[in-house]
Structure formats: C-alpha cells, structure tokens
PDB file of N, CA and C in Angstrom:
ATOM      1  N   MET A   1      31.299 -29.791  63.325  1.00  0.00           N
ATOM      2  CA  MET A   1      31.145 -28.398  62.972  1.00  0.00           C
ATOM      3  C   MET A   1      32.430 -27.801  62.430  1.00  0.00           C
ATOM      4  N   GLY A   2      33.500 -28.552  62.543  1.00  0.00           N
ATOM      5  CA  GLY A   2      34.758 -28.079  61.994  1.00  0.00           C
ATOM      6  C   GLY A   2      35.589 -27.217  62.928  1.00  0.00           C
ATOM      7  N   TYR A   3      35.152 -27.054  64.170  1.00  0.00           N
ATOM      8  CA  TYR A   3      35.894 -26.252  65.147  1.00  0.00           C
ATOM      9  C   TYR A   3      36.096 -27.063  66.414  1.00  0.00           C
ATOM     10  N   ARG A   4      37.183 -26.781  67.087  1.00  0.00           N
ATOM     11  CA  ARG A   4      37.503 -27.485  68.329  1.00  0.00           C
ATOM     12  C   ARG A   4      36.825 -26.769  69.501  1.00  0.00           C
ATOM     13  N   PHE A   5      36.165 -27.543  70.343  1.00  0.00           N
ATOM     14  CA  PHE A   5      35.558 -27.023  71.564  1.00  0.00           C
ATOM     15  C   PHE A   5      36.255 -27.637  72.765  1.00  0.00           C
ATOM     16  N   ARG A   6      36.381 -26.852  73.808  1.00  0.00           N
ATOM     17  CA  ARG A   6      36.888 -27.343  75.086  1.00  0.00           C
ATOM     18  C   ARG A   6      35.713 -27.455  76.049  1.00  0.00           C
ATOM     19  N   ARG A   7      35.772 -28.449  76.895  1.00  0.00           N
ATOM     20  CA  ARG A   7      34.739 -28.653  77.901  1.00  0.00           C
ATOM     21  C   ARG A   7      35.269 -28.185  79.248  1.00  0.00           C
ATOM     22  N   GLU A   8      34.424 -27.526  80.046  1.00  0.00           N
ATOM     23  CA  GLU A   8      34.813 -27.008  81.358  1.00  0.00           C
ATOM     24  C   GLU A   8      36.116 -26.218  81.252  1.00  0.00           C
ATOM     25  N   ASP A   9      36.069 -25.182  80.432  1.00  0.00           N
ATOM     26  CA  ASP A   9      37.249 -24.393  80.090  1.00  0.00           C
ATOM     27  C   ASP A   9      37.377 -23.183  81.026  1.00  0.00           C
ATOM     28  N   PRO A  10      38.471 -23.098  81.799  1.00  0.00           N
ATOM     29  CA  PRO A  10      38.664 -21.920  82.646  1.00  0.00           C
ATOM     30  C   PRO A  10      38.978 -20.691  81.790  1.00  0.00           C
ATOM     31  N   ILE A  11      38.141 -19.661  81.926  1.00  0.00           N
ATOM     32  CA  ILE A  11      38.334 -18.405  81.206  1.00  0.00           C
ATOM     33  C   ILE A  11      38.176 -17.293  82.235  1.00  0.00           C
ATOM     34  N   GLY A  12      39.254 -16.583  82.489  1.00  0.00           N
ATOM     35  CA  GLY A  12      39.220 -15.552  83.523  1.00  0.00           C
ATOM     36  C   GLY A  12      38.817 -16.168  84.849  1.00  0.00           C
ATOM     37  N   PRO A  13      37.902 -15.513  85.569  1.00  0.00           N
ATOM     38  CA  PRO A  13      37.497 -16.029  86.872  1.00  0.00           C
ATOM     39  C   PRO A  13      36.395 -17.096  86.795  1.00  0.00           C
ATOM     40  N   TYR A  14      36.027 -17.529  85.589  1.00  0.00           N
ATOM     41  CA  TYR A  14      34.898 -18.439  85.408  1.00  0.00           C
ATOM     42  C   TYR A  14      35.326 -19.709  84.692  1.00  0.00           C
ATOM     43  N   ILE A  15      34.436 -20.696  84.718  1.00  0.00           N
ATOM     44  CA  ILE A  15      34.636 -21.921  83.949  1.00  0.00           C
ATOM     45  C   ILE A  15      33.455 -22.039  82.993  1.00  0.00           C
ATOM     46  N   ALA A  16      33.747 -21.970  81.707  1.00  0.00           N
ATOM     47  CA  ALA A  16      32.705 -22.091  80.687  1.00  0.00           C
ATOM     48  C   ALA A  16      32.380 -23.560  80.475  1.00  0.00           C
ATOM     49  N   ASP A  17      31.102 -23.862  80.276  1.00  0.00           N
ATOM     50  CA  ASP A  17      30.720 -25.253  80.001  1.00  0.00           C
ATOM     51  C   ASP A  17      31.444 -25.754  78.758  1.00  0.00           C
ATOM     52  N   PHE A  18      31.358 -24.984  77.673  1.00  0.00           N
ATOM     53  CA  PHE A  18      32.047 -25.311  76.426  1.00  0.00           C
ATOM     54  C   PHE A  18      32.549 -24.018  75.806  1.00  0.00           C
ATOM     55  N   SER A  19      33.715 -24.078  75.179  1.00  0.00           N
ATOM     56  CA  SER A  19      34.221 -22.890  74.488  1.00  0.00           C
ATOM     57  C   SER A  19      34.922 -23.293  73.206  1.00  0.00           C
ATOM     58  N   CYS A  20      34.778 -22.414  72.229  1.00  0.00           N
ATOM     59  CA  CYS A  20      35.561 -22.499  71.005  1.00  0.00           C
ATOM     60  C   CYS A  20      36.456 -21.269  71.025  1.00  0.00           C
ATOM     61  N   ARG A  21      37.696 -21.459  71.422  1.00  0.00           N
ATOM     62  CA  ARG A  21      38.602 -20.325  71.580  1.00  0.00           C
ATOM     63  C   ARG A  21      38.889 -19.634  70.246  1.00  0.00           C
ATOM     64  N   PHE A  22      38.955 -20.384  69.176  1.00  0.00           N
ATOM     65  CA  PHE A  22      39.248 -19.799  67.869  1.00  0.00           C
ATOM     66  C   PHE A  22      38.176 -18.785  67.470  1.00  0.00           C
ATOM     67  N   LYS A  23      36.920 -19.100  67.747  1.00  0.00           N
ATOM     68  CA  LYS A  23      35.803 -18.222  67.393  1.00  0.00           C
ATOM     69  C   LYS A  23      35.310 -17.389  68.571  1.00  0.00           C
ATOM     70  N   ARG A  24      35.925 -17.563  69.741  1.00  0.00           N
ATOM     71  CA  ARG A  24      35.554 -16.828  70.962  1.00  0.00           C
ATOM     72  C   ARG A  24      34.054 -16.981  71.257  1.00  0.00           C
ATOM     73  N   LEU A  25      33.616 -18.248  71.210  1.00  0.00           N
ATOM     74  CA  LEU A  25      32.228 -18.600  71.462  1.00  0.00           C
ATOM     75  C   LEU A  25      32.154 -19.480  72.708  1.00  0.00           C
ATOM     76  N   ILE A  26      31.251 -19.126  73.606  1.00  0.00           N
ATOM     77  CA  ILE A  26      31.000 -19.920  74.804  1.00  0.00           C
ATOM     78  C   ILE A  26      29.590 -20.460  74.716  1.00  0.00           C
ATOM     79  N   VAL A  27      29.439 -21.741  75.040  1.00  0.00           N
ATOM     80  CA  VAL A  27      28.126 -22.372  75.086  1.00  0.00           C
ATOM     81  C   VAL A  27      27.896 -22.832  76.521  1.00  0.00           C
ATOM     82  N   GLU A  28      26.831 -22.319  77.118  1.00  0.00           N
ATOM     83  CA  GLU A  28      26.459 -22.674  78.484  1.00  0.00           C
ATOM     84  C   GLU A  28      25.189 -23.503  78.447  1.00  0.00           C
ATOM     85  N   CYS A  29      25.176 -24.593  79.193  1.00  0.00           N
ATOM     86  CA  CYS A  29      23.991 -25.436  79.320  1.00  0.00           C
ATOM     87  C   CYS A  29      23.506 -25.317  80.760  1.00  0.00           C
ATOM     88  N   ASP A  30      22.333 -24.725  80.925  1.00  0.00           N
ATOM     89  CA  ASP A  30      21.822 -24.414  82.254  1.00  0.00           C
ATOM     90  C   ASP A  30      20.797 -25.438  82.698  1.00  0.00           C
ATOM     91  N   GLY A  31      21.080 -25.997  83.854  1.00  0.00           N
ATOM     92  CA  GLY A  31      20.139 -26.940  84.455  1.00  0.00           C
ATOM     93  C   GLY A  31      19.662 -26.415  85.788  1.00  0.00           C
ATOM     94  N   ALA A  32      19.317 -27.318  86.659  1.00  0.00           N
ATOM     95  CA  ALA A  32      18.767 -26.958  87.960  1.00  0.00           C
ATOM     96  C   ALA A  32      19.748 -26.162  88.817  1.00  0.00           C
ATOM     97  N   SER A  33      21.047 -26.285  88.546  1.00  0.00           N
ATOM     98  CA  SER A  33      22.034 -25.568  89.366  1.00  0.00           C
ATOM     99  C   SER A  33      22.080 -24.074  89.048  1.00  0.00           C
ATOM    100  N   HIS A  34      21.470 -23.669  87.945  1.00  0.00           N
ATOM    101  CA  HIS A  34      21.468 -22.250  87.564  1.00  0.00           C
ATOM    102  C   HIS A  34      20.189 -21.586  88.065  1.00  0.00           C
ATOM    103  N   THR A  35      20.203 -21.250  89.341  1.00  0.00           N
ATOM    104  CA  THR A  35      19.011 -20.678  89.954  1.00  0.00           C
ATOM    105  C   THR A  35      19.155 -19.182  90.213  1.00  0.00           C
ATOM    106  N   ASP A  36      20.289 -18.615  89.809  1.00  0.00           N
ATOM    107  CA  ASP A  36      20.529 -17.199  90.070  1.00  0.00           C
ATOM    108  C   ASP A  36      20.779 -16.470  88.755  1.00  0.00           C
ATOM    109  N   PRO A  37      19.714 -15.963  88.105  1.00  0.00           N
ATOM    110  CA  PRO A  37      19.892 -15.305  86.813  1.00  0.00           C
ATOM    111  C   PRO A  37      20.795 -14.082  86.883  1.00  0.00           C
ATOM    112  N   GLU A  38      20.817 -13.391  88.011  1.00  0.00           N
ATOM    113  CA  GLU A  38      21.700 -12.225  88.143  1.00  0.00           C
ATOM    114  C   GLU A  38      23.163 -12.646  88.078  1.00  0.00           C
ATOM    115  N   LYS A  39      23.487 -13.759  88.699  1.00  0.00           N
ATOM    116  CA  LYS A  39      24.860 -14.263  88.663  1.00  0.00           C
ATOM    117  C   LYS A  39      25.237 -14.690  87.238  1.00  0.00           C
ATOM    118  N   ASP A  40      24.304 -15.353  86.549  1.00  0.00           N
ATOM    119  CA  ASP A  40      24.553 -15.749  85.155  1.00  0.00           C
ATOM    120  C   ASP A  40      24.755 -14.519  84.280  1.00  0.00           C
ATOM    121  N   ALA A  41      23.941 -13.482  84.489  1.00  0.00           N
ATOM    122  CA  ALA A  41      24.073 -12.247  83.704  1.00  0.00           C
ATOM    123  C   ALA A  41      25.418 -11.584  83.976  1.00  0.00           C
ATOM    124  N   GLU A  42      25.863 -11.620  85.218  1.00  0.00           N
ATOM    125  CA  GLU A  42      27.171 -11.052  85.576  1.00  0.00           C
ATOM    126  C   GLU A  42      28.297 -11.805  84.855  1.00  0.00           C
ATOM    127  N   ARG A  43      28.203 -13.132  84.849  1.00  0.00           N
ATOM    128  CA  ARG A  43      29.182 -13.969  84.130  1.00  0.00           C
ATOM    129  C   ARG A  43      29.200 -13.612  82.654  1.00  0.00           C
ATOM    130  N   ASP A  44      28.007 -13.599  82.054  1.00  0.00           N
ATOM    131  CA  ASP A  44      27.901 -13.317  80.624  1.00  0.00           C
ATOM    132  C   ASP A  44      28.452 -11.932  80.308  1.00  0.00           C
ATOM    133  N   ARG A  45      28.148 -10.976  81.156  1.00  0.00           N
ATOM    134  CA  ARG A  45      28.640  -9.609  80.951  1.00  0.00           C
ATOM    135  C   ARG A  45      30.173  -9.603  80.945  1.00  0.00           C
ATOM    136  N   TRP A  46      30.773 -10.323  81.888  1.00  0.00           N
ATOM    137  CA  TRP A  46      32.238 -10.396  81.950  1.00  0.00           C
ATOM    138  C   TRP A  46      32.780 -11.004  80.658  1.00  0.00           C
ATOM    139  N   PHE A  47      32.188 -12.116  80.213  1.00  0.00           N
ATOM    140  CA  PHE A  47      32.636 -12.749  78.964  1.00  0.00           C
ATOM    141  C   PHE A  47      32.521 -11.770  77.800  1.00  0.00           C
ATOM    142  N   HIS A  48      31.386 -11.096  77.686  1.00  0.00           N
ATOM    143  CA  HIS A  48      31.184 -10.134  76.599  1.00  0.00           C
ATOM    144  C   HIS A  48      32.232  -9.023  76.648  1.00  0.00           C
ATOM    145  N   GLU A  49      32.476  -8.508  77.827  1.00  0.00           N
ATOM    146  CA  GLU A  49      33.457  -7.423  77.974  1.00  0.00           C
ATOM    147  C   GLU A  49      34.863  -7.860  77.588  1.00  0.00           C
ATOM    148  N   HIS A  50      35.096  -9.160  77.597  1.00  0.00           N
ATOM    149  CA  HIS A  50      36.409  -9.692  77.231  1.00  0.00           C
ATOM    150  C   HIS A  50      36.395 -10.365  75.864  1.00  0.00           C
ATOM    151  N   GLY A  51      35.400  -9.998  75.047  1.00  0.00           N
ATOM    152  CA  GLY A  51      35.404 -10.398  73.641  1.00  0.00           C
ATOM    153  C   GLY A  51      34.794 -11.741  73.304  1.00  0.00           C
ATOM    154  N   TRP A  52      34.018 -12.302  74.203  1.00  0.00           N
ATOM    155  CA  TRP A  52      33.382 -13.597  73.955  1.00  0.00           C
ATOM    156  C   TRP A  52      31.912 -13.398  73.608  1.00  0.00           C
ATOM    157  N   PHE A  53      31.390 -14.299  72.776  1.00  0.00           N
ATOM    158  CA  PHE A  53      29.961 -14.361  72.498  1.00  0.00           C
ATOM    159  C   PHE A  53      29.424 -15.566  73.265  1.00  0.00           C
ATOM    160  N   VAL A  54      28.345 -15.359  74.005  1.00  0.00           N
ATOM    161  CA  VAL A  54      27.815 -16.415  74.876  1.00  0.00           C
ATOM    162  C   VAL A  54      26.458 -16.878  74.376  1.00  0.00           C
ATOM    163  N   LEU A  55      26.311 -18.187  74.269  1.00  0.00           N
ATOM    164  CA  LEU A  55      25.020 -18.808  73.990  1.00  0.00           C
ATOM    165  C   LEU A  55      24.614 -19.596  75.228  1.00  0.00           C
ATOM    166  N   ARG A  56      23.398 -19.400  75.686  1.00  0.00           N
ATOM    167  CA  ARG A  56      22.875 -20.164  76.817  1.00  0.00           C
ATOM    168  C   ARG A  56      21.700 -21.004  76.354  1.00  0.00           C
ATOM    169  N   PHE A  57      21.742 -22.266  76.739  1.00  0.00           N
ATOM    170  CA  PHE A  57      20.645 -23.186  76.436  1.00  0.00           C
ATOM    171  C   PHE A  57      20.193 -23.836  77.725  1.00  0.00           C
ATOM    172  N   ASP A  58      18.918 -24.054  77.828  1.00  0.00           N
ATOM    173  CA  ASP A  58      18.367 -24.815  78.934  1.00  0.00           C
ATOM    174  C   ASP A  58      18.653 -26.292  78.669  1.00  0.00           C
ATOM    175  N   ASP A  59      18.904 -27.050  79.718  1.00  0.00           N
ATOM    176  CA  ASP A  59      19.150 -28.485  79.553  1.00  0.00           C
ATOM    177  C   ASP A  59      18.018 -29.170  78.799  1.00  0.00           C
ATOM    178  N   PHE A  60      16.783 -28.716  79.026  1.00  0.00           N
ATOM    179  CA  PHE A  60      15.647 -29.326  78.336  1.00  0.00           C
ATOM    180  C   PHE A  60      15.733 -29.099  76.829  1.00  0.00           C
ATOM    181  N   ASP A  61      16.223 -27.926  76.403  1.00  0.00           N
ATOM    182  CA  ASP A  61      16.412 -27.677  74.969  1.00  0.00           C
ATOM    183  C   ASP A  61      17.414 -28.656  74.383  1.00  0.00           C
ATOM    184  N   VAL A  62      18.489 -28.883  75.111  1.00  0.00           N
ATOM    185  CA  VAL A  62      19.530 -29.799  74.633  1.00  0.00           C
ATOM    186  C   VAL A  62      18.962 -31.210  74.499  1.00  0.00           C
ATOM    187  N   LEU A  63      18.173 -31.614  75.475  1.00  0.00           N
ATOM    188  CA  LEU A  63      17.617 -32.968  75.451  1.00  0.00           C
ATOM    189  C   LEU A  63      16.463 -33.107  74.463  1.00  0.00           C
ATOM    190  N   ASP A  64      15.614 -32.084  74.360  1.00  0.00           N
ATOM    191  CA  ASP A  64      14.400 -32.191  73.550  1.00  0.00           C
ATOM    192  C   ASP A  64      14.550 -31.707  72.118  1.00  0.00           C
ATOM    193  N   ASP A  65      15.518 -30.808  71.868  1.00  0.00           N
ATOM    194  CA  ASP A  65      15.649 -30.242  70.525  1.00  0.00           C
ATOM    195  C   ASP A  65      17.125 -30.030  70.175  1.00  0.00           C
ATOM    196  N   LEU A  66      17.879 -31.087  70.265  1.00  0.00           N
ATOM    197  CA  LEU A  66      19.320 -31.025  70.026  1.00  0.00           C
ATOM    198  C   LEU A  66      19.635 -30.480  68.634  1.00  0.00           C
ATOM    199  N   GLU A  67      18.823 -30.814  67.654  1.00  0.00           N
ATOM    200  CA  GLU A  67      19.074 -30.328  66.293  1.00  0.00           C
ATOM    201  C   GLU A  67      19.058 -28.797  66.256  1.00  0.00           C
ATOM    202  N   TRP A  68      18.055 -28.177  66.902  1.00  0.00           N
ATOM    203  CA  TRP A  68      17.970 -26.712  66.968  1.00  0.00           C
ATOM    204  C   TRP A  68      19.182 -26.126  67.697  1.00  0.00           C
ATOM    205  N   VAL A  69      19.583 -26.759  68.802  1.00  0.00           N
ATOM    206  CA  VAL A  69      20.751 -26.283  69.560  1.00  0.00           C
ATOM    207  C   VAL A  69      21.987 -26.307  68.669  1.00  0.00           C
ATOM    208  N   LEU A  70      22.209 -27.403  67.975  1.00  0.00           N
ATOM    209  CA  LEU A  70      23.386 -27.527  67.109  1.00  0.00           C
ATOM    210  C   LEU A  70      23.330 -26.539  65.942  1.00  0.00           C
ATOM    211  N   GLU A  71      22.143 -26.327  65.380  1.00  0.00           N
ATOM    212  CA  GLU A  71      22.006 -25.347  64.298  1.00  0.00           C
ATOM    213  C   GLU A  71      22.324 -23.936  64.799  1.00  0.00           C
ATOM    214  N   THR A  72      21.882 -23.621  66.005  1.00  0.00           N
ATOM    215  CA  THR A  72      22.147 -22.303  66.584  1.00  0.00           C
ATOM    216  C   THR A  72      23.637 -22.112  66.829  1.00  0.00           C
ATOM    217  N   ILE A  73      24.294 -23.144  67.334  1.00  0.00           N
ATOM    218  CA  ILE A  73      25.744 -23.069  67.558  1.00  0.00           C
ATOM    219  C   ILE A  73      26.463 -22.901  66.229  1.00  0.00           C
ATOM    220  N   ALA A  74      26.064 -23.665  65.215  1.00  0.00           N
ATOM    221  CA  ALA A  74      26.696 -23.563  63.895  1.00  0.00           C
ATOM    222  C   ALA A  74      26.533 -22.161  63.319  1.00  0.00           C
ATOM    223  N   THR A  75      25.358 -21.584  63.482  1.00  0.00           N
ATOM    224  CA  THR A  75      25.117 -20.219  62.998  1.00  0.00           C
ATOM    225  C   THR A  75      26.020 -19.236  63.723  1.00  0.00           C
ATOM    226  N   ALA A  76      26.114 -19.368  65.042  1.00  0.00           N
ATOM    227  CA  ALA A  76      26.954 -18.460  65.828  1.00  0.00           C
ATOM    228  C   ALA A  76      28.425 -18.597  65.465  1.00  0.00           C
ATOM    229  N   LEU A  77      28.852 -19.794  65.116  1.00  0.00           N
ATOM    230  CA  LEU A  77      30.247 -19.979  64.705  1.00  0.00           C
ATOM    231  C   LEU A  77      30.542 -19.220  63.417  1.00  0.00           C
ATOM    232  N   GLU A  78      29.582 -19.184  62.519  1.00  0.00           N
ATOM    233  CA  GLU A  78      29.793 -18.525  61.230  1.00  0.00           C
ATOM    234  C   GLU A  78      29.535 -17.028  61.295  1.00  0.00           C
ATOM    235  N   ASP A  79      28.489 -16.619  62.026  1.00  0.00           N
ATOM    236  CA  ASP A  79      28.141 -15.196  62.095  1.00  0.00           C
ATOM    237  C   ASP A  79      27.297 -14.942  63.344  1.00  0.00           C
ATOM    238  N   PRO A  80      27.938 -14.587  64.455  1.00  0.00           N
ATOM    239  CA  PRO A  80      27.185 -14.386  65.699  1.00  0.00           C
ATOM    240  C   PRO A  80      26.104 -13.316  65.601  1.00  0.00           C
ATOM    241  N   SER A  81      26.226 -12.389  64.665  1.00  0.00           N
ATOM    242  CA  SER A  81      25.205 -11.348  64.546  1.00  0.00           C
ATOM    243  C   SER A  81      23.862 -11.925  64.085  1.00  0.00           C
ATOM    244  N   GLN A  82      23.868 -13.153  63.587  1.00  0.00           N
ATOM    245  CA  GLN A  82      22.642 -13.809  63.146  1.00  0.00           C
ATOM    246  C   GLN A  82      21.926 -14.557  64.265  1.00  0.00           C
ATOM    247  N   VAL A  83      22.508 -14.507  65.465  1.00  0.00           N
ATOM    248  CA  VAL A  83      21.936 -15.208  66.621  1.00  0.00           C
ATOM    249  C   VAL A  83      21.531 -14.167  67.643  1.00  0.00           C
ATOM    250  N   LEU A  84      20.344 -14.309  68.190  1.00  0.00           N
ATOM    251  CA  LEU A  84      19.868 -13.380  69.203  1.00  0.00           C
ATOM    252  C   LEU A  84      20.771 -13.445  70.428  1.00  0.00           C
ATOM    253  N   ASP A  85      21.309 -12.304  70.796  1.00  0.00           N
ATOM    254  CA  ASP A  85      22.132 -12.194  71.990  1.00  0.00           C
ATOM    255  C   ASP A  85      21.207 -11.880  73.155  1.00  0.00           C
ATOM    256  N   PRO A  86      21.061 -12.812  74.109  1.00  0.00           N
ATOM    257  CA  PRO A  86      20.066 -12.621  75.161  1.00  0.00           C
ATOM    258  C   PRO A  86      20.304 -11.405  76.025  1.00  0.00           C
ATOM    259  N   LEU A  87      21.538 -10.918  76.122  1.00  0.00           N
ATOM    260  CA  LEU A  87      21.823  -9.761  76.959  1.00  0.00           C
ATOM    261  C   LEU A  87      21.968  -8.471  76.149  1.00  0.00           C
ATOM    262  N   ASN A  88      21.869  -8.593  74.831  1.00  0.00           N
ATOM    263  CA  ASN A  88      22.060  -7.433  73.959  1.00  0.00           C
ATOM    264  C   ASN A  88      23.369  -6.721  74.241  1.00  0.00           C
ATOM    265  N   LEU A  89      24.394  -7.494  74.562  1.00  0.00           N
ATOM    266  CA  LEU A  89      25.711  -6.923  74.835  1.00  0.00           C
ATOM    267  C   LEU A  89      26.690  -7.184  73.700  1.00  0.00           C
ATOM    268  N   ASN A  90      26.231  -7.830  72.650  1.00  0.00           N
ATOM    269  CA  ASN A  90      27.108  -8.117  71.541  1.00  0.00           C
ATOM    270  C   ASN A  90      27.600  -6.802  70.948  1.00  0.00           C
ATOM    271  N   PRO A  91      28.942  -6.634  70.804  1.00  0.00           N
ATOM    272  CA  PRO A  91      29.481  -5.365  70.334  1.00  0.00           C
ATOM    273  C   PRO A  91      29.087  -4.997  68.905  1.00  0.00           C
ATOM    274  N   GLU A  92      28.623  -5.925  68.070  1.00  0.00           N
ATOM    275  CA  GLU A  92      28.222  -5.591  66.708  1.00  0.00           C
ATOM    276  C   GLU A  92      26.920  -4.832  66.694  1.00  0.00           C
TER     277      GLU A  92
END
C-alpha cells in the first residue's frame, strides 16, 4: 500500500492492532476477545479525540473477504472521508 504499519502499537493508554502513524490510521481486528462494545467505543472515541481515524474489522471479514478489507484500508489511507466511520466521530 506504500505506507508503513506498526503491529501492536502503543498509542496513549491503548495498544492498536495496527497503525499507520504517517496517516494517523488505526486498524483493529476484532475476534472473540472483543465482547464489550462499550469498551471498544470508548477506545475508538479516545483515538478520534487524539486525531486518529479508526477502522474496525471482524476477524471473519479478514479471513473471508481480505480483498474488501485491503481495499477499505487503501481507501482510508487516501481519503478517510470516503470510508464510513462507524462512530460518526470523524472530524470532517
């Protein structure tokens, strides 16, 4: 994709699954361990408040439709306003 991503990147009080610091993009892959949507929303809200755009994917999406996941990430890298923000907290 032409951008460097970090895996398990500590950002503030959280650890992002993947981050592209240059584009301030976080990619979260949620599996069975993500059973508390309120906690995830709190995390995402914190990231948004600190200038990050967050994409969340279910593990099944990654396994079953990797092409769509990669296309969505590529779109967000170029123009996050073209990607649905699940929390509607995107400042644009």
